[in-house]
Amino acid sequence: MTSATAPSDTVASAAQDAATEAARYALLRRLAPSMRHHLVVNLQPIGMVYEIMDRRLRAPQPNLADVHEGAQKINVYARSALASCLDMVTWLAPEDGAATTIADGVRECLALVATSFTFRGFTLRSQVDDVPGDVPRAAFRNVVTGALVHLSDERAAPAEIVLTAQAHGDAIQLKLVPRASAGEPGFATAPAYRPITWSDVEALARADGVQVRREGETLAITLPRIQPAG
């Protein structure tokens, strides 16, 4: 005897899938300017070194040792830019089984979005220590960056968001605590896409097996520990 899925369950599942895809798309659209900036930063040194090499080669008697040094720098910068591009692609197509520590995950996410947050009048402060254990990298990226953008969307600048973490048995909990702060309100233009809502954060968390909840103004994100591949 086979059991059929109730039509209501099918509709509910489809609605959840649609909400998840909508949340992922909205988050990527919001992160796109930061991604573009992150990629350009790694490519700029190549053009600068090329201009220096071009001037040196135009000299009556070029110093080939300096030219060779410049060529080596371009090679190093090009490899770094390629690695950065390939890693950025994993935001769009996550690697199966990829893991990160909480400390590394926080550093990675803040490195990506800190500049855009500063323009908008928000300061991100990490008080995350090295908590033993790995968590899913894609889940961390999606839920934590989504939660950060959500907090900045629902609060007025200037403000700061403080990140802390602690172990909870087989999981690690990250807390995002927004606080009003002194300073400039920011000068960035309106976001390139719609705000990230709390329902978006919940959809991202649900899809990645992460627990999120509000504790007053604080957002608590609980991620499962995983065994690193290999």
C-alpha atoms as a PDB file:
ATOM      1  CA  MET A   1       0.000   0.000   0.000  1.00  0.00           C
ATOM      2  CA  THR A   2       1.459   3.311  -1.042  1.00  0.00           C
ATOM      3  CA  SER A   3       0.823   6.638   0.614  1.00  0.00           C
ATOM      4  CA  ALA A   4       0.110   9.728  -1.437  1.00  0.00           C
ATOM      5  CA  THR A   5       1.242  13.187  -0.459  1.00  0.00           C
ATOM      6  CA  ALA A   6      -1.694  15.385   0.466  1.00  0.00           C
ATOM      7  CA  PRO A   7      -2.299  18.245  -1.977  1.00  0.00           C
ATOM      8  CA  SER A   8      -2.018  20.728   0.886  1.00  0.00           C
ATOM      9  CA  ASP A   9       1.444  19.385   1.775  1.00  0.00           C
ATOM     10  CA  THR A  10       2.571  19.697  -1.840  1.00  0.00           C
ATOM     11  CA  VAL A  11       1.345  23.277  -2.026  1.00  0.00           C
ATOM     12  CA  ALA A  12       3.032  24.153   1.270  1.00  0.00           C
ATOM     13  CA  SER A  13       6.315  22.597   0.132  1.00  0.00           C
ATOM     14  CA  ALA A  14       6.199  24.479  -3.156  1.00  0.00           C
ATOM     15  CA  ALA A  15       5.510  27.720  -1.319  1.00  0.00           C
ATOM     16  CA  GLN A  16       8.508  27.139   0.968  1.00  0.00           C
ATOM     17  CA  ASP A  17      10.745  26.403  -2.019  1.00  0.00           C
ATOM     18  CA  ALA A  18       9.587  29.577  -3.743  1.00  0.00           C
ATOM     19  CA  ALA A  19      10.209  31.623  -0.592  1.00  0.00           C
ATOM     20  CA  THR A  20      13.710  30.179  -0.283  1.00  0.00           C
ATOM     21  CA  GLU A  21      14.608  30.933  -3.899  1.00  0.00           C
ATOM     22  CA  ALA A  22      13.206  34.448  -3.582  1.00  0.00           C
ATOM     23  CA  ALA A  23      15.256  35.049  -0.431  1.00  0.00           C
ATOM     24  CA  ARG A  24      18.447  33.724  -2.030  1.00  0.00           C
ATOM     25  CA  TYR A  25      17.959  35.856  -5.120  1.00  0.00           C
ATOM     26  CA  ALA A  26      17.247  38.976  -3.061  1.00  0.00           C
ATOM     27  CA  LEU A  27      20.330  38.395  -0.905  1.00  0.00           C
ATOM     28  CA  LEU A  28      22.607  37.896  -3.912  1.00  0.00           C
ATOM     29  CA  ARG A  29      21.228  41.049  -5.509  1.00  0.00           C
ATOM     30  CA  ARG A  30      22.010  42.960  -2.325  1.00  0.00           C
ATOM     31  CA  LEU A  31      25.491  41.461  -2.116  1.00  0.00           C
ATOM     32  CA  ALA A  32      26.315  42.035  -5.799  1.00  0.00           C
ATOM     33  CA  PRO A  33      27.872  45.535  -5.311  1.00  0.00           C
ATOM     34  CA  SER A  34      30.096  44.188  -2.524  1.00  0.00           C
ATOM     35  CA  MET A  35      31.105  41.230  -4.695  1.00  0.00           C
ATOM     36  CA  ARG A  36      31.980  43.528  -7.573  1.00  0.00           C
ATOM     37  CA  HIS A  37      34.089  45.728  -5.298  1.00  0.00           C
ATOM     38  CA  HIS A  38      35.793  42.654  -3.821  1.00  0.00           C
ATOM     39  CA  LEU A  39      36.781  41.432  -7.302  1.00  0.00           C
ATOM     40  CA  VAL A  40      37.969  44.829  -8.562  1.00  0.00           C
ATOM     41  CA  VAL A  41      40.195  45.330  -5.517  1.00  0.00           C
ATOM     42  CA  ASN A  42      42.145  42.204  -6.436  1.00  0.00           C
ATOM     43  CA  LEU A  43      42.529  43.264 -10.082  1.00  0.00           C
ATOM     44  CA  GLN A  44      43.651  46.873  -9.540  1.00  0.00           C
ATOM     45  CA  PRO A  45      47.290  46.085  -8.605  1.00  0.00           C
ATOM     46  CA  ILE A  46      47.803  44.366 -11.972  1.00  0.00           C
ATOM     47  CA  GLY A  47      47.048  47.568 -13.885  1.00  0.00           C
ATOM     48  CA  MET A  48      49.259  49.621 -11.576  1.00  0.00           C
ATOM     49  CA  VAL A  49      52.250  47.296 -12.016  1.00  0.00           C
ATOM     50  CA  TYR A  50      51.701  47.254 -15.788  1.00  0.00           C
ATOM     51  CA  GLU A  51      51.877  51.070 -15.958  1.00  0.00           C
ATOM     52  CA  ILE A  52      55.151  51.059 -14.016  1.00  0.00           C
ATOM     53  CA  MET A  53      56.606  48.370 -16.300  1.00  0.00           C
ATOM     54  CA  ASP A  54      55.480  50.279 -19.394  1.00  0.00           C
ATOM     55  CA  ARG A  55      57.323  53.429 -18.261  1.00  0.00           C
ATOM     56  CA  ARG A  56      60.451  51.453 -17.454  1.00  0.00           C
ATOM     57  CA  LEU A  57      60.424  49.741 -20.849  1.00  0.00           C
ATOM     58  CA  ARG A  58      60.231  53.123 -22.572  1.00  0.00           C
ATOM     59  CA  ALA A  59      63.531  54.175 -21.000  1.00  0.00           C
ATOM     60  CA  PRO A  60      66.569  54.334 -23.340  1.00  0.00           C
ATOM     61  CA  GLN A  61      68.200  51.514 -21.413  1.00  0.00           C
ATOM     62  CA  PRO A  62      65.523  49.541 -19.497  1.00  0.00           C
ATOM     63  CA  ASN A  63      66.611  47.810 -16.327  1.00  0.00           C
ATOM     64  CA  LEU A  64      65.599  44.265 -17.150  1.00  0.00           C
ATOM     65  CA  ALA A  65      65.881  43.187 -13.527  1.00  0.00           C
ATOM     66  CA  ASP A  66      63.174  45.702 -12.563  1.00  0.00           C
ATOM     67  CA  VAL A  67      61.036  44.603 -15.497  1.00  0.00           C
ATOM     68  CA  HIS A  68      61.421  40.965 -14.480  1.00  0.00           C
ATOM     69  CA  GLU A  69      60.414  41.851 -10.916  1.00  0.00           C
ATOM     70  CA  GLY A  70      57.317  43.604 -12.246  1.00  0.00           C
ATOM     71  CA  ALA A  71      56.401  40.561 -14.338  1.00  0.00           C
ATOM     72  CA  GLN A  72      56.668  38.352 -11.260  1.00  0.00           C
ATOM     73  CA  LYS A  73      54.387  40.711  -9.331  1.00  0.00           C
ATOM     74  CA  ILE A  74      51.794  40.591 -12.106  1.00  0.00           C
ATOM     75  CA  ASN A  75      51.906  36.798 -11.981  1.00  0.00           C
ATOM     76  CA  VAL A  76      51.356  36.797  -8.204  1.00  0.00           C
ATOM     77  CA  TYR A  77      48.522  39.331  -8.395  1.00  0.00           C
ATOM     78  CA  ALA A  78      46.887  37.451 -11.279  1.00  0.00           C
ATOM     79  CA  ARG A  79      46.924  34.185  -9.315  1.00  0.00           C
ATOM     80  CA  SER A  80      45.451  35.961  -6.295  1.00  0.00           C
ATOM     81  CA  ALA A  81      42.732  37.556  -8.432  1.00  0.00           C
ATOM     82  CA  LEU A  82      41.904  34.201 -10.037  1.00  0.00           C
ATOM     83  CA  ALA A  83      41.610  32.534  -6.633  1.00  0.00           C
ATOM     84  CA  SER A  84      39.361  35.363  -5.465  1.00  0.00           C
ATOM     85  CA  CYS A  85      37.133  35.032  -8.545  1.00  0.00           C
ATOM     86  CA  LEU A  86      36.812  31.271  -8.147  1.00  0.00           C
ATOM     87  CA  ASP A  87      35.970  31.642  -4.472  1.00  0.00           C
ATOM     88  CA  MET A  88      33.379  34.318  -5.235  1.00  0.00           C
ATOM     89  CA  VAL A  89      31.674  31.915  -7.644  1.00  0.00           C
ATOM     90  CA  THR A  90      31.032  29.568  -4.706  1.00  0.00           C
ATOM     91  CA  TRP A  91      28.611  32.154  -3.338  1.00  0.00           C
ATOM     92  CA  LEU A  92      26.494  31.380  -6.414  1.00  0.00           C
ATOM     93  CA  ALA A  93      27.258  27.658  -6.637  1.00  0.00           C
ATOM     94  CA  PRO A  94      28.264  26.389  -3.165  1.00  0.00           C
ATOM     95  CA  GLU A  95      30.728  23.531  -2.873  1.00  0.00           C
ATOM     96  CA  ASP A  96      29.225  20.354  -1.454  1.00  0.00           C
ATOM     97  CA  GLY A  97      30.507  19.598   2.023  1.00  0.00           C
ATOM     98  CA  ALA A  98      32.537  22.810   2.352  1.00  0.00           C
ATOM     99  CA  ALA A  99      33.064  23.791   5.987  1.00  0.00           C
ATOM    100  CA  THR A 100      34.406  26.744   7.922  1.00  0.00           C
ATOM    101  CA  THR A 101      35.113  27.662  11.501  1.00  0.00           C
ATOM    102  CA  ILE A 102      32.964  30.326  13.097  1.00  0.00           C
ATOM    103  CA  ALA A 103      35.921  32.716  13.329  1.00  0.00           C
ATOM    104  CA  ASP A 104      36.897  32.239   9.664  1.00  0.00           C
ATOM    105  CA  GLY A 105      33.283  32.488   8.546  1.00  0.00           C
ATOM    106  CA  VAL A 106      32.808  35.773  10.375  1.00  0.00           C
ATOM    107  CA  ARG A 107      36.033  37.207   8.950  1.00  0.00           C
ATOM    108  CA  GLU A 108      35.003  36.188   5.431  1.00  0.00           C
ATOM    109  CA  CYS A 109      31.516  37.666   5.638  1.00  0.00           C
ATOM    110  CA  LEU A 110      32.667  40.906   7.264  1.00  0.00           C
ATOM    111  CA  ALA A 111      35.453  41.327   4.696  1.00  0.00           C
ATOM    112  CA  LEU A 112      32.822  41.145   1.971  1.00  0.00           C
ATOM    113  CA  VAL A 113      30.202  43.522   3.368  1.00  0.00           C
ATOM    114  CA  ALA A 114      32.022  45.829   5.828  1.00  0.00           C
ATOM    115  CA  THR A 115      32.738  48.566   3.272  1.00  0.00           C
ATOM    116  CA  SER A 116      29.140  48.796   2.055  1.00  0.00           C
ATOM    117  CA  PHE A 117      27.890  48.819   5.651  1.00  0.00           C
ATOM    118  CA  THR A 118      30.281  51.639   6.507  1.00  0.00           C
ATOM    119  CA  PHE A 119      28.939  53.702   3.598  1.00  0.00           C
ATOM    120  CA  ARG A 120      25.444  53.214   5.020  1.00  0.00           C
ATOM    121  CA  GLY A 121      26.503  54.288   8.521  1.00  0.00           C
ATOM    122  CA  PHE A 122      26.826  50.844  10.133  1.00  0.00           C
ATOM    123  CA  THR A 123      29.829  49.418  11.954  1.00  0.00           C
ATOM    124  CA  LEU A 124      30.356  45.661  12.252  1.00  0.00           C
ATOM    125  CA  ARG A 125      32.283  44.546  15.345  1.00  0.00           C
ATOM    126  CA  SER A 126      33.377  40.959  15.796  1.00  0.00           C
ATOM    127  CA  GLN A 127      33.939  39.688  19.325  1.00  0.00           C
ATOM    128  CA  VAL A 128      34.062  36.106  18.086  1.00  0.00           C
ATOM    129  CA  ASP A 129      36.785  33.953  19.601  1.00  0.00           C
ATOM    130  CA  ASP A 130      38.013  30.650  18.201  1.00  0.00           C
ATOM    131  CA  VAL A 131      35.140  28.287  18.977  1.00  0.00           C
ATOM    132  CA  PRO A 132      36.166  24.661  18.273  1.00  0.00           C
ATOM    133  CA  GLY A 133      34.319  22.901  15.483  1.00  0.00           C
ATOM    134  CA  ASP A 134      33.306  23.470  11.884  1.00  0.00           C
ATOM    135  CA  VAL A 135      29.958  24.533  10.457  1.00  0.00           C
ATOM    136  CA  PRO A 136      28.597  24.364   6.870  1.00  0.00           C
ATOM    137  CA  ARG A 137      30.186  27.189   4.918  1.00  0.00           C
ATOM    138  CA  ALA A 138      27.293  27.853   2.521  1.00  0.00           C
ATOM    139  CA  ALA A 139      24.752  27.874   5.355  1.00  0.00           C
ATOM    140  CA  PHE A 140      26.917  30.265   7.348  1.00  0.00           C
ATOM    141  CA  ARG A 141      27.319  32.624   4.401  1.00  0.00           C
ATOM    142  CA  ASN A 142      23.632  32.669   3.498  1.00  0.00           C
ATOM    143  CA  VAL A 143      22.119  32.996   6.943  1.00  0.00           C
ATOM    144  CA  VAL A 144      24.682  35.281   8.590  1.00  0.00           C
ATOM    145  CA  THR A 145      24.988  37.757   5.721  1.00  0.00           C
ATOM    146  CA  GLY A 146      21.222  37.669   5.285  1.00  0.00           C
ATOM    147  CA  ALA A 147      20.738  38.429   8.980  1.00  0.00           C
ATOM    148  CA  LEU A 148      23.289  41.257   8.883  1.00  0.00           C
ATOM    149  CA  VAL A 149      21.636  42.891   5.885  1.00  0.00           C
ATOM    150  CA  HIS A 150      18.225  42.448   7.503  1.00  0.00           C
ATOM    151  CA  LEU A 151      19.349  44.185  10.698  1.00  0.00           C
ATOM    152  CA  SER A 152      20.786  47.091   8.725  1.00  0.00           C
ATOM    153  CA  ASP A 153      17.564  47.382   6.704  1.00  0.00           C
ATOM    154  CA  GLU A 154      15.288  47.624   9.726  1.00  0.00           C
ATOM    155  CA  ARG A 155      17.410  50.062  11.749  1.00  0.00           C
ATOM    156  CA  ALA A 156      18.341  53.681  11.246  1.00  0.00           C
ATOM    157  CA  ALA A 157      22.001  54.656  10.998  1.00  0.00           C
ATOM    158  CA  PRO A 158      24.332  55.341  12.699  1.00  0.00           C
ATOM    159  CA  ALA A 159      24.441  52.000  14.458  1.00  0.00           C
ATOM    160  CA  GLU A 160      26.726  49.081  15.128  1.00  0.00           C
ATOM    161  CA  ILE A 161      26.195  45.326  15.038  1.00  0.00           C
ATOM    162  CA  VAL A 162      28.247  43.261  17.481  1.00  0.00           C
ATOM    163  CA  LEU A 163      28.869  39.569  16.750  1.00  0.00           C
ATOM    164  CA  THR A 164      29.572  37.017  19.496  1.00  0.00           C
ATOM    165  CA  ALA A 165      29.674  33.214  19.453  1.00  0.00           C
ATOM    166  CA  GLN A 166      29.698  30.301  21.872  1.00  0.00           C
ATOM    167  CA  ALA A 167      29.429  26.525  21.745  1.00  0.00           C
ATOM    168  CA  HIS A 168      26.098  24.842  22.486  1.00  0.00           C
ATOM    169  CA  GLY A 169      26.635  21.083  22.612  1.00  0.00           C
ATOM    170  CA  ASP A 170      26.623  19.810  19.028  1.00  0.00           C
ATOM    171  CA  ALA A 171      25.967  23.297  17.682  1.00  0.00           C
ATOM    172  CA  ILE A 172      27.515  26.757  17.715  1.00  0.00           C
ATOM    173  CA  GLN A 173      25.415  29.832  18.362  1.00  0.00           C
ATOM    174  CA  LEU A 174      26.220  33.188  16.829  1.00  0.00           C
ATOM    175  CA  LYS A 175      24.498  36.295  18.172  1.00  0.00           C
ATOM    176  CA  LEU A 176      24.080  39.569  16.291  1.00  0.00           C
ATOM    177  CA  VAL A 177      23.425  42.466  18.652  1.00  0.00           C
ATOM    178  CA  PRO A 178      22.424  45.818  17.084  1.00  0.00           C
ATOM    179  CA  ARG A 179      23.135  48.986  19.032  1.00  0.00           C
ATOM    180  CA  ALA A 180      22.709  52.676  18.373  1.00  0.00           C
ATOM    181  CA  SER A 181      26.026  54.498  18.073  1.00  0.00           C
ATOM    182  CA  ALA A 182      27.426  57.963  17.555  1.00  0.00           C
ATOM    183  CA  GLY A 183      28.750  58.999  14.180  1.00  0.00           C
ATOM    184  CA  GLU A 184      27.626  59.904  10.717  1.00  0.00           C
ATOM    185  CA  PRO A 185      24.369  58.441   9.340  1.00  0.00           C
ATOM    186  CA  GLY A 186      26.098  57.334   6.135  1.00  0.00           C
ATOM    187  CA  PHE A 187      25.927  58.638   2.618  1.00  0.00           C
ATOM    188  CA  ALA A 188      25.174  55.622   0.456  1.00  0.00           C
ATOM    189  CA  THR A 189      22.283  55.678  -1.995  1.00  0.00           C
ATOM    190  CA  ALA A 190      19.215  53.483  -1.608  1.00  0.00           C
ATOM    191  CA  PRO A 191      19.829  49.703  -1.809  1.00  0.00           C
ATOM    192  CA  ALA A 192      20.010  48.312  -5.334  1.00  0.00           C
ATOM    193  CA  TYR A 193      17.249  45.837  -4.526  1.00  0.00           C
ATOM    194  CA  ARG A 194      14.474  45.286  -2.005  1.00  0.00           C
ATOM    195  CA  PRO A 195      15.037  45.015   1.770  1.00  0.00           C
ATOM    196  CA  ILE A 196      15.825  41.642   3.315  1.00  0.00           C
ATOM    197  CA  THR A 197      12.933  40.756   5.624  1.00  0.00           C
ATOM    198  CA  TRP A 198      12.796  38.522   8.684  1.00  0.00           C
ATOM    199  CA  SER A 199      10.811  35.990   6.638  1.00  0.00           C
ATOM    200  CA  ASP A 200      13.721  35.931   4.153  1.00  0.00           C
ATOM    201  CA  VAL A 201      16.148  35.124   6.972  1.00  0.00           C
ATOM    202  CA  GLU A 202      13.837  32.370   8.216  1.00  0.00           C
ATOM    203  CA  ALA A 203      13.544  30.906   4.705  1.00  0.00           C
ATOM    204  CA  LEU A 204      17.327  30.863   4.257  1.00  0.00           C
ATOM    205  CA  ALA A 205      17.814  29.249   7.666  1.00  0.00           C
ATOM    206  CA  ARG A 206      15.129  26.635   7.105  1.00  0.00           C
ATOM    207  CA  ALA A 207      16.636  25.608   3.756  1.00  0.00           C
ATOM    208  CA  ASP A 208      20.114  25.201   5.271  1.00  0.00           C
ATOM    209  CA  GLY A 209      19.115  23.444   8.501  1.00  0.00           C
ATOM    210  CA  VAL A 210      19.945  26.436  10.680  1.00  0.00           C
ATOM    211  CA  GLN A 211      17.907  27.735  13.611  1.00  0.00           C
ATOM    212  CA  VAL A 212      17.227  31.460  13.916  1.00  0.00           C
ATOM    213  CA  ARG A 213      15.245  33.335  16.513  1.00  0.00           C
ATOM    214  CA  ARG A 214      14.809  36.800  17.901  1.00  0.00           C
ATOM    215  CA  GLU A 215      15.736  37.649  21.479  1.00  0.00           C
ATOM    216  CA  GLY A 216      14.433  41.201  21.704  1.00  0.00           C
ATOM    217  CA  GLU A 217      16.517  43.091  19.145  1.00  0.00           C
ATOM    218  CA  THR A 218      19.217  40.396  19.130  1.00  0.00           C
ATOM    219  CA  LEU A 219      19.274  37.713  16.436  1.00  0.00           C
ATOM    220  CA  ALA A 220      20.478  34.267  17.536  1.00  0.00           C
ATOM    221  CA  ILE A 221      21.745  31.912  14.822  1.00  0.00           C
ATOM    222  CA  THR A 222      22.423  28.287  15.785  1.00  0.00           C
ATOM    223  CA  LEU A 223      24.483  26.280  13.300  1.00  0.00           C
ATOM    224  CA  PRO A 224      25.142  22.529  13.510  1.00  0.00           C
ATOM    225  CA  ARG A 225      28.710  21.340  13.923  1.00  0.00           C
ATOM    226  CA  ILE A 226      29.932  19.089  11.125  1.00  0.00           C
ATOM    227  CA  GLN A 227      32.897  16.817  10.660  1.00  0.00           C
ATOM    228  CA  PRO A 228      35.293  18.415   8.150  1.00  0.00           C
ATOM    229  CA  ALA A 229      35.769  16.504   4.899  1.00  0.00           C
ATOM    230  CA  GLY A 230      38.903  14.355   4.860  1.00  0.00           C
END
